[in-house]
Amino acid sequence: MASGFFEFTGTRYPKTKHRFTLAGSPFLAIAGLWRETQGNHPVSFTMLTTSPGPDIEPYHNRQVVVLRPRDWAAWLYLTKPQTELLRPLPAGTLAAETVRPGSD
């Protein structure tokens, strides 16, 4: 669970920093995979990405898979097809806010 995530635009440091939140909700989740410790390999995880949705496309060419609260249990217990969950959300689902202007 998270309150939001960041994307960066620009070519020079510091890049412009944009914060994305789930419209109408204080929290969102990011779909990921978890692997327990195996032998000498520590616990590891990854965040899943997908093509950018209409709210992210102006900022980046891919995005993390954002799960709305109503879909959290479906992701954890695999009660919905992955194709319904592992895709960009519709336009207007994510709110963008520029939190730091960049140098270019």
C-alpha atoms as a PDB file:
ATOM      1  CA  MET A   1       0.000   0.000   0.000  1.00  0.00           C
ATOM      2  CA  ALA A   2       1.195   3.508  -0.835  1.00  0.00           C
ATOM      3  CA  SER A   3      -0.175   7.022  -0.902  1.00  0.00           C
ATOM      4  CA  GLY A   4       1.277   7.637  -4.369  1.00  0.00           C
ATOM      5  CA  PHE A   5       4.264   7.210  -6.676  1.00  0.00           C
ATOM      6  CA  PHE A   6       6.583   9.492  -8.657  1.00  0.00           C
ATOM      7  CA  GLU A   7       7.616   9.900 -12.287  1.00  0.00           C
ATOM      8  CA  PHE A   8      10.325  12.231 -13.557  1.00  0.00           C
ATOM      9  CA  THR A   9      10.553  14.245 -16.773  1.00  0.00           C
ATOM     10  CA  GLY A  10      13.341  16.236 -18.372  1.00  0.00           C
ATOM     11  CA  THR A  11      16.864  15.487 -19.490  1.00  0.00           C
ATOM     12  CA  ARG A  12      19.008  17.398 -16.987  1.00  0.00           C
ATOM     13  CA  TYR A  13      19.363  17.007 -13.241  1.00  0.00           C
ATOM     14  CA  PRO A  14      17.357  17.850 -11.303  1.00  0.00           C
ATOM     15  CA  LYS A  15      14.525  16.464 -13.393  1.00  0.00           C
ATOM     16  CA  THR A  16      10.941  17.591 -12.894  1.00  0.00           C
ATOM     17  CA  LYS A  17       9.265  15.406 -10.251  1.00  0.00           C
ATOM     18  CA  HIS A  18       5.578  14.485 -10.566  1.00  0.00           C
ATOM     19  CA  ARG A  19       3.524  12.757  -7.860  1.00  0.00           C
ATOM     20  CA  PHE A  20       0.616  10.509  -8.834  1.00  0.00           C
ATOM     21  CA  THR A  21      -2.191   9.582  -6.471  1.00  0.00           C
ATOM     22  CA  LEU A  22      -5.380   7.600  -6.870  1.00  0.00           C
ATOM     23  CA  ALA A  23      -8.226  10.091  -7.312  1.00  0.00           C
ATOM     24  CA  GLY A  24     -10.724   9.839  -4.469  1.00  0.00           C
ATOM     25  CA  SER A  25      -8.646   7.471  -2.323  1.00  0.00           C
ATOM     26  CA  PRO A  26      -5.888   8.069   0.238  1.00  0.00           C
ATOM     27  CA  PHE A  27      -4.132   4.825  -0.785  1.00  0.00           C
ATOM     28  CA  LEU A  28      -3.275   2.684  -3.768  1.00  0.00           C
ATOM     29  CA  ALA A  29      -1.356  -0.538  -4.225  1.00  0.00           C
ATOM     30  CA  ILE A  30       1.220  -1.518  -6.827  1.00  0.00           C
ATOM     31  CA  ALA A  31       1.043  -5.040  -8.230  1.00  0.00           C
ATOM     32  CA  GLY A  32       4.187  -6.992  -7.517  1.00  0.00           C
ATOM     33  CA  LEU A  33       5.741 -10.385  -7.047  1.00  0.00           C
ATOM     34  CA  TRP A  34       7.514 -11.646  -3.921  1.00  0.00           C
ATOM     35  CA  ARG A  35      10.001 -14.473  -3.529  1.00  0.00           C
ATOM     36  CA  GLU A  36      10.957 -15.893  -0.149  1.00  0.00           C
ATOM     37  CA  THR A  37      14.559 -16.613   0.780  1.00  0.00           C
ATOM     38  CA  GLN A  38      15.962 -19.513  -1.228  1.00  0.00           C
ATOM     39  CA  GLY A  39      19.372 -20.846  -0.220  1.00  0.00           C
ATOM     40  CA  ASN A  40      21.841 -17.942  -0.334  1.00  0.00           C
ATOM     41  CA  HIS A  41      19.339 -15.701  -2.168  1.00  0.00           C
ATOM     42  CA  PRO A  42      17.591 -13.155   0.062  1.00  0.00           C
ATOM     43  CA  VAL A  43      13.922 -12.253  -0.075  1.00  0.00           C
ATOM     44  CA  SER A  44      13.273 -10.344  -3.295  1.00  0.00           C
ATOM     45  CA  PHE A  45      10.417  -8.532  -4.959  1.00  0.00           C
ATOM     46  CA  THR A  46       9.544  -6.650  -8.118  1.00  0.00           C
ATOM     47  CA  MET A  47       6.897  -4.110  -9.071  1.00  0.00           C
ATOM     48  CA  LEU A  48       5.011  -4.990 -12.246  1.00  0.00           C
ATOM     49  CA  THR A  49       4.762  -2.476 -15.088  1.00  0.00           C
ATOM     50  CA  THR A  50       2.463  -2.047 -18.057  1.00  0.00           C
ATOM     51  CA  SER A  51       1.999   0.335 -20.961  1.00  0.00           C
ATOM     52  CA  PRO A  52       1.180   3.863 -19.839  1.00  0.00           C
ATOM     53  CA  GLY A  53      -2.434   4.763 -19.264  1.00  0.00           C
ATOM     54  CA  PRO A  54      -3.817   8.109 -20.400  1.00  0.00           C
ATOM     55  CA  ASP A  55      -2.908   9.779 -17.080  1.00  0.00           C
ATOM     56  CA  ILE A  56       0.756   8.660 -17.252  1.00  0.00           C
ATOM     57  CA  GLU A  57       1.437   8.749 -21.000  1.00  0.00           C
ATOM     58  CA  PRO A  58       2.364  12.469 -21.073  1.00  0.00           C
ATOM     59  CA  TYR A  59       5.074  11.750 -18.463  1.00  0.00           C
ATOM     60  CA  HIS A  60       6.498   8.284 -19.198  1.00  0.00           C
ATOM     61  CA  ASN A  61       6.457   5.407 -21.701  1.00  0.00           C
ATOM     62  CA  ARG A  62       5.444   2.785 -19.100  1.00  0.00           C
ATOM     63  CA  GLN A  63       3.937   2.712 -15.628  1.00  0.00           C
ATOM     64  CA  VAL A  64       3.621   0.570 -12.534  1.00  0.00           C
ATOM     65  CA  VAL A  65       0.424  -1.464 -12.335  1.00  0.00           C
ATOM     66  CA  VAL A  66      -1.801   0.465  -9.935  1.00  0.00           C
ATOM     67  CA  LEU A  67      -4.417  -1.513  -8.031  1.00  0.00           C
ATOM     68  CA  ARG A  68      -7.475   0.252  -6.640  1.00  0.00           C
ATOM     69  CA  PRO A  69      -8.540  -0.790  -3.108  1.00  0.00           C
ATOM     70  CA  ARG A  70     -11.492  -2.760  -4.507  1.00  0.00           C
ATOM     71  CA  ASP A  71      -9.015  -4.943  -6.455  1.00  0.00           C
ATOM     72  CA  TRP A  72      -6.502  -5.678  -3.678  1.00  0.00           C
ATOM     73  CA  ALA A  73      -8.093  -8.945  -2.563  1.00  0.00           C
ATOM     74  CA  ALA A  74      -8.566 -10.051  -6.177  1.00  0.00           C
ATOM     75  CA  TRP A  75      -4.812  -9.618  -6.766  1.00  0.00           C
ATOM     76  CA  LEU A  76      -3.778 -11.358  -3.562  1.00  0.00           C
ATOM     77  CA  TYR A  77      -6.199 -14.288  -3.906  1.00  0.00           C
ATOM     78  CA  LEU A  78      -6.249 -14.491  -7.728  1.00  0.00           C
ATOM     79  CA  THR A  79     -10.041 -14.215  -7.911  1.00  0.00           C
ATOM     80  CA  LYS A  80     -10.067 -12.102 -11.100  1.00  0.00           C
ATOM     81  CA  PRO A  81      -8.233 -12.791 -14.357  1.00  0.00           C
ATOM     82  CA  GLN A  82      -4.811 -11.146 -14.440  1.00  0.00           C
ATOM     83  CA  THR A  83      -5.778  -9.424 -17.706  1.00  0.00           C
ATOM     84  CA  GLU A  84      -8.383  -7.422 -15.750  1.00  0.00           C
ATOM     85  CA  LEU A  85      -5.852  -6.309 -13.132  1.00  0.00           C
ATOM     86  CA  LEU A  86      -2.528  -5.916 -14.964  1.00  0.00           C
ATOM     87  CA  ARG A  87      -3.474  -3.011 -17.186  1.00  0.00           C
ATOM     88  CA  PRO A  88      -3.535   0.785 -17.076  1.00  0.00           C
ATOM     89  CA  LEU A  89      -6.461   2.467 -15.352  1.00  0.00           C
ATOM     90  CA  PRO A  90      -8.949   4.657 -17.266  1.00  0.00           C
ATOM     91  CA  ALA A  91      -8.367   8.375 -17.832  1.00  0.00           C
ATOM     92  CA  GLY A  92      -8.944  10.487 -14.739  1.00  0.00           C
ATOM     93  CA  THR A  93      -8.215   7.668 -12.284  1.00  0.00           C
ATOM     94  CA  LEU A  94      -4.821   9.090 -11.313  1.00  0.00           C
ATOM     95  CA  ALA A  95      -4.212  12.675 -10.235  1.00  0.00           C
ATOM     96  CA  ALA A  96      -0.864  14.266 -11.155  1.00  0.00           C
ATOM     97  CA  GLU A  97       0.885  17.035  -9.245  1.00  0.00           C
ATOM     98  CA  THR A  98       4.259  18.565 -10.087  1.00  0.00           C
ATOM     99  CA  VAL A  99       6.131  18.650  -6.781  1.00  0.00           C
ATOM    100  CA  ARG A 100       9.505  19.893  -8.038  1.00  0.00           C
ATOM    101  CA  PRO A 101      10.289  21.811 -11.201  1.00  0.00           C
ATOM    102  CA  GLY A 102      13.300  20.641 -13.144  1.00  0.00           C
ATOM    103  CA  SER A 103      16.222  22.453 -14.687  1.00  0.00           C
ATOM    104  CA  ASP A 104      14.962  22.156 -18.262  1.00  0.00           C
END
